[in-house]
């Protein structure tokens, strides 16, 4: 169980997950609001690519920064979970699935970035 959790919370794996999430959000950002600064998903994509190619200590810091920034989306995510039709764009089902994905990605990213300090998911905690 610890090995599986360690793999799930590995920052390189989380960087890949977040890269895919950023790529997925490029068309979403364009659909939601044409005036939305499309550069934002690209910045997250660049940050996750950098996290993937850097050494582990830098990767942890980048992923922690991304995780903290992700906390800003929690209020709308919770709102959509409470009322899937509350968003002005997109289908209620699509918004609900996206919110569930956010609820999984945010804690994984934060736990992976802080596992050195928390010991969560580490095989050999010293």
C-alpha atoms as a PDB file:
ATOM      1  CA  UNK A   1       0.000   0.000   0.000  1.00  0.00           C
ATOM      2  CA  UNK A   2       2.808   2.418   0.879  1.00  0.00           C
ATOM      3  CA  UNK A   3       4.577   1.677  -2.415  1.00  0.00           C
ATOM      4  CA  UNK A   4       1.445   2.493  -4.387  1.00  0.00           C
ATOM      5  CA  UNK A   5       0.929   5.697  -2.420  1.00  0.00           C
ATOM      6  CA  UNK A   6       4.597   6.576  -2.889  1.00  0.00           C
ATOM      7  CA  UNK A   7       4.212   6.180  -6.659  1.00  0.00           C
ATOM      8  CA  UNK A   8       1.001   8.226  -6.668  1.00  0.00           C
ATOM      9  CA  UNK A   9       2.647  11.017  -4.695  1.00  0.00           C
ATOM     10  CA  UNK A  10       5.889  10.968  -6.672  1.00  0.00           C
ATOM     11  CA  UNK A  11       6.385  14.519  -7.888  1.00  0.00           C
ATOM     12  CA  UNK A  12       7.477  13.409 -11.360  1.00  0.00           C
ATOM     13  CA  UNK A  13       4.244  11.433 -11.746  1.00  0.00           C
ATOM     14  CA  UNK A  14       2.267  14.375 -10.395  1.00  0.00           C
ATOM     15  CA  UNK A  15       4.043  16.657 -12.856  1.00  0.00           C
ATOM     16  CA  UNK A  16       2.844  14.401 -15.685  1.00  0.00           C
ATOM     17  CA  UNK A  17      -0.694  14.444 -14.273  1.00  0.00           C
ATOM     18  CA  UNK A  18      -0.621  18.227 -14.006  1.00  0.00           C
ATOM     19  CA  UNK A  19       0.841  18.562 -17.521  1.00  0.00           C
ATOM     20  CA  UNK A  20      -2.122  16.654 -18.883  1.00  0.00           C
ATOM     21  CA  UNK A  21      -4.494  18.731 -16.776  1.00  0.00           C
ATOM     22  CA  UNK A  22      -2.960  21.949 -18.147  1.00  0.00           C
ATOM     23  CA  UNK A  23      -3.207  20.730 -21.753  1.00  0.00           C
ATOM     24  CA  UNK A  24      -6.812  19.727 -21.107  1.00  0.00           C
ATOM     25  CA  UNK A  25      -7.564  23.255 -19.889  1.00  0.00           C
ATOM     26  CA  UNK A  26      -6.302  25.059 -22.980  1.00  0.00           C
ATOM     27  CA  UNK A  27      -9.479  24.431 -25.023  1.00  0.00           C
ATOM     28  CA  UNK A  28     -11.607  24.832 -21.900  1.00  0.00           C
ATOM     29  CA  UNK A  29     -10.134  28.275 -21.287  1.00  0.00           C
ATOM     30  CA  UNK A  30     -10.884  29.271 -24.871  1.00  0.00           C
ATOM     31  CA  UNK A  31     -14.462  28.000 -24.641  1.00  0.00           C
ATOM     32  CA  UNK A  32     -15.351  29.551 -21.303  1.00  0.00           C
ATOM     33  CA  UNK A  33     -14.326  33.066 -22.151  1.00  0.00           C
ATOM     34  CA  UNK A  34     -12.660  34.195 -25.369  1.00  0.00           C
ATOM     35  CA  UNK A  35     -11.168  37.112 -23.453  1.00  0.00           C
ATOM     36  CA  UNK A  36      -9.693  34.791 -20.803  1.00  0.00           C
ATOM     37  CA  UNK A  37      -5.914  35.148 -20.705  1.00  0.00           C
ATOM     38  CA  UNK A  38      -5.088  31.959 -22.587  1.00  0.00           C
ATOM     39  CA  UNK A  39      -1.523  32.262 -21.381  1.00  0.00           C
ATOM     40  CA  UNK A  40      -2.498  30.923 -17.931  1.00  0.00           C
ATOM     41  CA  UNK A  41      -2.820  27.240 -18.943  1.00  0.00           C
ATOM     42  CA  UNK A  42       0.408  27.601 -20.924  1.00  0.00           C
ATOM     43  CA  UNK A  43       2.198  28.980 -17.849  1.00  0.00           C
ATOM     44  CA  UNK A  44       1.015  25.985 -15.822  1.00  0.00           C
ATOM     45  CA  UNK A  45       2.068  23.682 -18.646  1.00  0.00           C
ATOM     46  CA  UNK A  46       5.537  25.245 -18.729  1.00  0.00           C
ATOM     47  CA  UNK A  47       5.799  25.021 -14.934  1.00  0.00           C
ATOM     48  CA  UNK A  48       4.867  21.344 -14.912  1.00  0.00           C
ATOM     49  CA  UNK A  49       7.300  20.584 -17.724  1.00  0.00           C
ATOM     50  CA  UNK A  50      10.004  22.386 -15.757  1.00  0.00           C
ATOM     51  CA  UNK A  51       9.033  20.408 -12.659  1.00  0.00           C
ATOM     52  CA  UNK A  52       9.354  17.181 -14.596  1.00  0.00           C
ATOM     53  CA  UNK A  53      12.833  17.888 -15.948  1.00  0.00           C
ATOM     54  CA  UNK A  54      14.331  19.482 -12.821  1.00  0.00           C
ATOM     55  CA  UNK A  55      15.854  17.615  -9.907  1.00  0.00           C
ATOM     56  CA  UNK A  56      13.591  16.472  -7.090  1.00  0.00           C
ATOM     57  CA  UNK A  57      14.154  19.390  -4.720  1.00  0.00           C
ATOM     58  CA  UNK A  58      13.189  21.921  -7.390  1.00  0.00           C
ATOM     59  CA  UNK A  59      10.300  19.739  -8.521  1.00  0.00           C
ATOM     60  CA  UNK A  60       8.905  19.713  -4.973  1.00  0.00           C
ATOM     61  CA  UNK A  61       8.981  23.487  -4.809  1.00  0.00           C
ATOM     62  CA  UNK A  62       7.348  23.937  -8.201  1.00  0.00           C
ATOM     63  CA  UNK A  63       4.632  21.411  -7.393  1.00  0.00           C
ATOM     64  CA  UNK A  64       4.024  23.053  -4.016  1.00  0.00           C
ATOM     65  CA  UNK A  65       3.602  26.410  -5.734  1.00  0.00           C
ATOM     66  CA  UNK A  66       1.195  24.903  -8.240  1.00  0.00           C
ATOM     67  CA  UNK A  67      -0.752  23.178  -5.466  1.00  0.00           C
ATOM     68  CA  UNK A  68      -1.096  26.386  -3.483  1.00  0.00           C
ATOM     69  CA  UNK A  69      -2.277  28.262  -6.567  1.00  0.00           C
ATOM     70  CA  UNK A  70      -4.770  25.462  -7.207  1.00  0.00           C
ATOM     71  CA  UNK A  71      -6.364  26.278  -3.855  1.00  0.00           C
ATOM     72  CA  UNK A  72      -7.775  29.398  -5.530  1.00  0.00           C
ATOM     73  CA  UNK A  73     -10.101  27.221  -7.614  1.00  0.00           C
ATOM     74  CA  UNK A  74     -11.593  25.472  -4.582  1.00  0.00           C
ATOM     75  CA  UNK A  75     -14.523  27.882  -4.041  1.00  0.00           C
ATOM     76  CA  UNK A  76     -15.908  27.505  -7.585  1.00  0.00           C
ATOM     77  CA  UNK A  77     -15.189  23.763  -7.525  1.00  0.00           C
ATOM     78  CA  UNK A  78     -17.163  23.352  -4.311  1.00  0.00           C
ATOM     79  CA  UNK A  79     -19.943  25.512  -5.740  1.00  0.00           C
ATOM     80  CA  UNK A  80     -20.179  23.265  -8.803  1.00  0.00           C
ATOM     81  CA  UNK A  81     -20.186  20.164  -6.605  1.00  0.00           C
ATOM     82  CA  UNK A  82     -23.105  21.610  -4.674  1.00  0.00           C
ATOM     83  CA  UNK A  83     -24.940  22.764  -7.815  1.00  0.00           C
ATOM     84  CA  UNK A  84     -23.542  21.415 -11.117  1.00  0.00           C
ATOM     85  CA  UNK A  85     -25.650  23.836 -13.153  1.00  0.00           C
ATOM     86  CA  UNK A  86     -24.206  26.874 -11.355  1.00  0.00           C
ATOM     87  CA  UNK A  87     -21.552  27.545 -14.001  1.00  0.00           C
ATOM     88  CA  UNK A  88     -22.580  29.751 -16.873  1.00  0.00           C
ATOM     89  CA  UNK A  89     -20.850  27.644 -19.521  1.00  0.00           C
ATOM     90  CA  UNK A  90     -20.598  23.958 -20.260  1.00  0.00           C
ATOM     91  CA  UNK A  91     -22.920  21.140 -19.399  1.00  0.00           C
ATOM     92  CA  UNK A  92     -23.692  20.356 -15.781  1.00  0.00           C
ATOM     93  CA  UNK A  93     -22.297  16.831 -16.166  1.00  0.00           C
ATOM     94  CA  UNK A  94     -19.034  18.072 -17.666  1.00  0.00           C
ATOM     95  CA  UNK A  95     -18.672  20.687 -14.928  1.00  0.00           C
ATOM     96  CA  UNK A  96     -19.352  18.080 -12.249  1.00  0.00           C
ATOM     97  CA  UNK A  97     -16.738  15.691 -13.667  1.00  0.00           C
ATOM     98  CA  UNK A  98     -14.204  18.504 -13.856  1.00  0.00           C
ATOM     99  CA  UNK A  99     -14.886  19.474 -10.265  1.00  0.00           C
ATOM    100  CA  UNK A 100     -14.434  15.900  -9.095  1.00  0.00           C
ATOM    101  CA  UNK A 101     -11.120  15.787 -10.957  1.00  0.00           C
ATOM    102  CA  UNK A 102     -10.047  19.018  -9.228  1.00  0.00           C
ATOM    103  CA  UNK A 103     -10.962  17.499  -5.852  1.00  0.00           C
ATOM    104  CA  UNK A 104      -8.579  14.626  -6.635  1.00  0.00           C
ATOM    105  CA  UNK A 105      -5.766  16.631  -8.248  1.00  0.00           C
ATOM    106  CA  UNK A 106      -5.473  19.394  -5.641  1.00  0.00           C
ATOM    107  CA  UNK A 107      -4.816  17.138  -2.625  1.00  0.00           C
ATOM    108  CA  UNK A 108      -2.566  14.806  -4.619  1.00  0.00           C
ATOM    109  CA  UNK A 109      -0.451  17.737  -5.774  1.00  0.00           C
ATOM    110  CA  UNK A 110      -0.210  19.210  -2.279  1.00  0.00           C
ATOM    111  CA  UNK A 111       0.469  15.870  -0.593  1.00  0.00           C
ATOM    112  CA  UNK A 112       3.134  14.984  -3.146  1.00  0.00           C
ATOM    113  CA  UNK A 113       4.846  18.334  -2.738  1.00  0.00           C
ATOM    114  CA  UNK A 114       4.836  18.115   1.063  1.00  0.00           C
ATOM    115  CA  UNK A 115       5.518  14.419   1.587  1.00  0.00           C
ATOM    116  CA  UNK A 116       9.099  15.115   2.631  1.00  0.00           C
ATOM    117  CA  UNK A 117       7.754  17.116   5.577  1.00  0.00           C
ATOM    118  CA  UNK A 118       4.625  15.103   6.324  1.00  0.00           C
ATOM    119  CA  UNK A 119       6.008  11.638   5.652  1.00  0.00           C
ATOM    120  CA  UNK A 120       2.756  10.673   3.936  1.00  0.00           C
ATOM    121  CA  UNK A 121       3.400   8.064   1.279  1.00  0.00           C
ATOM    122  CA  UNK A 122       7.076   7.618   2.053  1.00  0.00           C
ATOM    123  CA  UNK A 123       8.453   4.144   2.575  1.00  0.00           C
ATOM    124  CA  UNK A 124      11.288   5.094   4.907  1.00  0.00           C
ATOM    125  CA  UNK A 125      10.302   7.969   7.133  1.00  0.00           C
ATOM    126  CA  UNK A 126      13.220   9.100   9.249  1.00  0.00           C
END
